[in-house]
Amino acid sequence: MPVYDYRCDGCGHTFEVFHGVDERPEVRCERCGQPARKLFRPVPIIFKGSGWHVTDYGRGTTPQKATEEKRQSEKEEGAEKE
């Protein structure tokens, strides 16, 4: 069964509750008895293995136009220094 985090509406106490995914229990604070709301906790993502960075990213090449613009700006900067 998954663990869910809840925060009390009354006192702000945060606590964990075990219950099934399909259950919708009426959870009350273990300190003051007021209703509590479920908190959203994102799941961490861990990439393992070799290759995910190669296959899941875009092409490693720069578009031709961007490369030409970069060369042109480098030429202009070089001319200003002289």
N, C-alpha and C. Protein backbone atom coordinates (compact mmCIF):
# COMPACT_ATOMS: atom_id res chain seq x y z
N MET A 1 0.83 -1.19 0.00
CA MET A 1 0.00 0.00 0.00
C MET A 1 0.88 1.25 0.00
N PRO A 2 0.49 2.25 -0.76
CA PRO A 2 1.29 3.48 -0.81
C PRO A 2 1.13 4.33 0.45
N VAL A 3 2.12 5.17 0.66
CA VAL A 3 2.11 6.12 1.78
C VAL A 3 1.76 7.48 1.21
N TYR A 4 0.82 8.17 1.84
CA TYR A 4 0.40 9.50 1.41
C TYR A 4 0.68 10.49 2.53
N ASP A 5 1.09 11.70 2.16
CA ASP A 5 1.31 12.78 3.12
C ASP A 5 0.05 13.63 3.20
N TYR A 6 -0.32 13.98 4.42
CA TYR A 6 -1.48 14.83 4.67
C TYR A 6 -1.07 15.99 5.55
N ARG A 7 -1.77 17.14 5.38
CA ARG A 7 -1.56 18.31 6.23
C ARG A 7 -2.90 18.73 6.81
N CYS A 8 -2.88 18.98 8.11
CA CYS A 8 -4.10 19.36 8.83
C CYS A 8 -4.51 20.78 8.44
N ASP A 9 -5.80 20.96 8.20
CA ASP A 9 -6.34 22.29 7.89
C ASP A 9 -6.34 23.19 9.12
N GLY A 10 -6.44 22.59 10.31
CA GLY A 10 -6.53 23.37 11.54
C GLY A 10 -5.18 23.81 12.09
N CYS A 11 -4.30 22.83 12.37
CA CYS A 11 -3.04 23.16 13.04
C CYS A 11 -1.82 23.11 12.13
N GLY A 12 -1.96 22.62 10.89
CA GLY A 12 -0.84 22.59 9.95
C GLY A 12 0.09 21.40 10.13
N HIS A 13 -0.24 20.48 11.03
CA HIS A 13 0.59 19.29 11.26
C HIS A 13 0.61 18.42 10.01
N THR A 14 1.81 17.94 9.62
CA THR A 14 1.97 17.07 8.47
C THR A 14 2.24 15.65 8.96
N PHE A 15 1.55 14.68 8.36
CA PHE A 15 1.71 13.28 8.78
C PHE A 15 1.45 12.36 7.60
N GLU A 16 1.82 11.08 7.77
CA GLU A 16 1.67 10.08 6.71
C GLU A 16 0.53 9.12 7.03
N VAL A 17 -0.15 8.66 5.97
CA VAL A 17 -1.24 7.69 6.11
C VAL A 17 -1.05 6.62 5.04
N PHE A 18 -1.20 5.34 5.44
CA PHE A 18 -1.17 4.22 4.49
C PHE A 18 -2.59 3.92 4.07
N HIS A 19 -2.85 3.91 2.76
CA HIS A 19 -4.14 3.45 2.26
C HIS A 19 -4.02 3.14 0.78
N GLY A 20 -4.95 2.38 0.27
CA GLY A 20 -4.92 1.96 -1.12
C GLY A 20 -5.12 3.11 -2.09
N VAL A 21 -4.72 2.89 -3.32
CA VAL A 21 -4.83 3.91 -4.36
C VAL A 21 -6.28 4.28 -4.62
N ASP A 22 -7.16 3.30 -4.62
CA ASP A 22 -8.56 3.54 -4.94
C ASP A 22 -9.40 3.97 -3.74
N GLU A 23 -8.81 4.02 -2.56
CA GLU A 23 -9.55 4.45 -1.36
C GLU A 23 -9.57 5.97 -1.26
N ARG A 24 -10.65 6.51 -0.75
CA ARG A 24 -10.79 7.95 -0.50
C ARG A 24 -11.21 8.14 0.96
N PRO A 25 -10.30 7.86 1.90
CA PRO A 25 -10.68 7.95 3.31
C PRO A 25 -10.84 9.40 3.77
N GLU A 26 -11.67 9.59 4.76
CA GLU A 26 -11.79 10.91 5.38
C GLU A 26 -10.73 10.96 6.47
N VAL A 27 -9.63 11.63 6.17
CA VAL A 27 -8.48 11.64 7.08
C VAL A 27 -8.59 12.84 8.01
N ARG A 28 -8.37 12.57 9.28
CA ARG A 28 -8.39 13.63 10.29
C ARG A 28 -7.03 13.69 10.97
N CYS A 29 -6.68 14.87 11.44
CA CYS A 29 -5.39 15.10 12.08
C CYS A 29 -5.25 14.23 13.33
N GLU A 30 -4.08 13.64 13.49
CA GLU A 30 -3.84 12.80 14.65
C GLU A 30 -3.61 13.62 15.92
N ARG A 31 -3.37 14.92 15.77
CA ARG A 31 -3.17 15.79 16.93
C ARG A 31 -4.46 16.47 17.39
N CYS A 32 -5.16 17.14 16.45
CA CYS A 32 -6.31 17.95 16.86
C CYS A 32 -7.65 17.42 16.35
N GLY A 33 -7.65 16.46 15.44
CA GLY A 33 -8.90 15.87 14.96
C GLY A 33 -9.58 16.63 13.82
N GLN A 34 -8.98 17.71 13.35
CA GLN A 34 -9.55 18.48 12.24
C GLN A 34 -9.32 17.73 10.92
N PRO A 35 -10.11 18.04 9.88
CA PRO A 35 -9.90 17.41 8.57
C PRO A 35 -8.52 17.75 8.01
N ALA A 36 -7.96 16.81 7.23
CA ALA A 36 -6.64 17.00 6.63
C ALA A 36 -6.74 16.81 5.12
N ARG A 37 -5.84 17.47 4.40
CA ARG A 37 -5.81 17.38 2.94
C ARG A 37 -4.56 16.62 2.49
N LYS A 38 -4.73 15.86 1.40
CA LYS A 38 -3.60 15.12 0.84
C LYS A 38 -2.65 16.10 0.15
N LEU A 39 -1.35 15.92 0.38
CA LEU A 39 -0.33 16.76 -0.25
C LEU A 39 0.17 16.08 -1.52
N PHE A 40 0.56 16.88 -2.47
CA PHE A 40 1.14 16.37 -3.71
C PHE A 40 2.64 16.25 -3.53
N ARG A 41 3.17 15.07 -3.74
CA ARG A 41 4.61 14.84 -3.66
C ARG A 41 5.06 14.22 -4.97
N PRO A 42 5.82 14.95 -5.80
CA PRO A 42 6.28 14.38 -7.07
C PRO A 42 7.25 13.22 -6.84
N VAL A 43 7.21 12.27 -7.73
CA VAL A 43 8.07 11.10 -7.65
C VAL A 43 9.42 11.45 -8.27
N PRO A 44 10.53 11.12 -7.59
CA PRO A 44 11.84 11.42 -8.18
C PRO A 44 12.11 10.52 -9.37
N ILE A 45 12.83 11.05 -10.34
CA ILE A 45 13.17 10.29 -11.54
C ILE A 45 14.68 10.09 -11.55
N ILE A 46 15.10 8.84 -11.71
CA ILE A 46 16.53 8.52 -11.76
C ILE A 46 16.80 7.83 -13.08
N PHE A 47 17.67 8.42 -13.89
CA PHE A 47 18.05 7.82 -15.16
C PHE A 47 19.28 6.96 -14.94
N LYS A 48 19.19 5.69 -15.30
CA LYS A 48 20.32 4.78 -15.14
C LYS A 48 20.69 4.19 -16.49
N GLY A 49 21.92 3.76 -16.58
CA GLY A 49 22.37 3.11 -17.79
C GLY A 49 23.01 4.09 -18.74
N SER A 50 23.60 3.52 -19.77
CA SER A 50 24.23 4.38 -20.77
C SER A 50 23.32 4.48 -21.97
N GLY A 51 23.22 5.65 -22.50
CA GLY A 51 22.45 5.80 -23.72
C GLY A 51 21.20 6.61 -23.62
N TRP A 52 20.60 6.76 -22.44
CA TRP A 52 19.35 7.53 -22.38
C TRP A 52 19.60 8.96 -22.82
N HIS A 53 20.78 9.50 -22.48
CA HIS A 53 21.07 10.88 -22.86
C HIS A 53 21.32 11.02 -24.35
N VAL A 54 21.71 9.94 -24.99
CA VAL A 54 21.96 9.97 -26.43
C VAL A 54 20.65 9.81 -27.19
N THR A 55 19.81 8.91 -26.74
CA THR A 55 18.59 8.60 -27.48
C THR A 55 17.45 9.55 -27.18
N ASP A 56 17.43 10.17 -26.00
CA ASP A 56 16.28 10.98 -25.61
C ASP A 56 16.47 12.47 -25.79
N TYR A 57 17.66 12.92 -26.11
CA TYR A 57 17.87 14.33 -26.39
C TYR A 57 17.78 14.57 -27.89
N GLY A 58 17.60 15.81 -28.25
CA GLY A 58 17.53 16.16 -29.67
C GLY A 58 18.87 15.96 -30.34
N ARG A 59 18.91 16.22 -31.61
CA ARG A 59 20.16 16.05 -32.35
C ARG A 59 21.24 16.93 -31.75
N GLY A 60 22.45 16.43 -31.77
CA GLY A 60 23.58 17.16 -31.22
C GLY A 60 24.14 18.19 -32.18
N THR A 61 23.63 18.26 -33.39
CA THR A 61 24.16 19.21 -34.37
C THR A 61 23.41 20.53 -34.27
N THR A 62 24.11 21.60 -34.58
CA THR A 62 23.49 22.92 -34.59
C THR A 62 22.97 23.19 -35.99
N PRO A 63 21.84 23.83 -36.11
CA PRO A 63 21.34 24.17 -37.44
C PRO A 63 22.36 25.03 -38.20
N GLN A 64 22.39 24.88 -39.50
CA GLN A 64 23.37 25.57 -40.35
C GLN A 64 23.28 27.08 -40.20
N LYS A 65 22.08 27.63 -40.14
CA LYS A 65 21.91 29.08 -40.06
C LYS A 65 22.51 29.62 -38.76
N ALA A 66 22.29 28.93 -37.65
CA ALA A 66 22.83 29.38 -36.37
C ALA A 66 24.35 29.36 -36.39
N THR A 67 24.93 28.34 -37.00
CA THR A 67 26.39 28.25 -37.10
C THR A 67 26.95 29.40 -37.92
N GLU A 68 26.31 29.72 -39.04
CA GLU A 68 26.76 30.83 -39.89
C GLU A 68 26.67 32.16 -39.15
N GLU A 69 25.58 32.38 -38.40
CA GLU A 69 25.41 33.62 -37.65
C GLU A 69 26.49 33.75 -36.57
N LYS A 70 26.84 32.64 -35.93
CA LYS A 70 27.87 32.67 -34.90
C LYS A 70 29.22 33.04 -35.51
N ARG A 71 29.54 32.45 -36.64
CA ARG A 71 30.80 32.77 -37.31
C ARG A 71 30.85 34.25 -37.71
N GLN A 72 29.75 34.77 -38.20
CA GLN A 72 29.68 36.17 -38.62
C GLN A 72 29.91 37.09 -37.42
N SER A 73 29.28 36.79 -36.27
CA SER A 73 29.44 37.63 -35.08
C SER A 73 30.87 37.55 -34.56
N GLU A 74 31.51 36.38 -34.66
CA GLU A 74 32.90 36.25 -34.24
C GLU A 74 33.82 37.08 -35.13
N LYS A 75 33.53 37.11 -36.42
CA LYS A 75 34.33 37.93 -37.35
C LYS A 75 34.19 39.41 -37.00
N GLU A 76 32.96 39.84 -36.69
CA GLU A 76 32.72 41.24 -36.36
C GLU A 76 33.43 41.62 -35.07
N GLU A 77 33.42 40.73 -34.08
CA GLU A 77 34.11 41.01 -32.82
C GLU A 77 35.61 41.11 -33.04
N GLY A 78 36.15 40.25 -33.90
CA GLY A 78 37.58 40.29 -34.20
C GLY A 78 37.96 41.58 -34.90
N ALA A 79 37.11 42.08 -35.78
CA ALA A 79 37.37 43.32 -36.51
C ALA A 79 37.35 44.51 -35.56
N GLU A 80 36.49 44.49 -34.55
CA GLU A 80 36.39 45.59 -33.60
C GLU A 80 37.64 45.67 -32.73
N LYS A 81 38.27 44.54 -32.43
CA LYS A 81 39.45 44.52 -31.58
C LYS A 81 40.68 45.08 -32.29
N GLU A 82 40.72 44.97 -33.60
CA GLU A 82 41.90 45.42 -34.36
C GLU A 82 41.98 46.90 -34.49
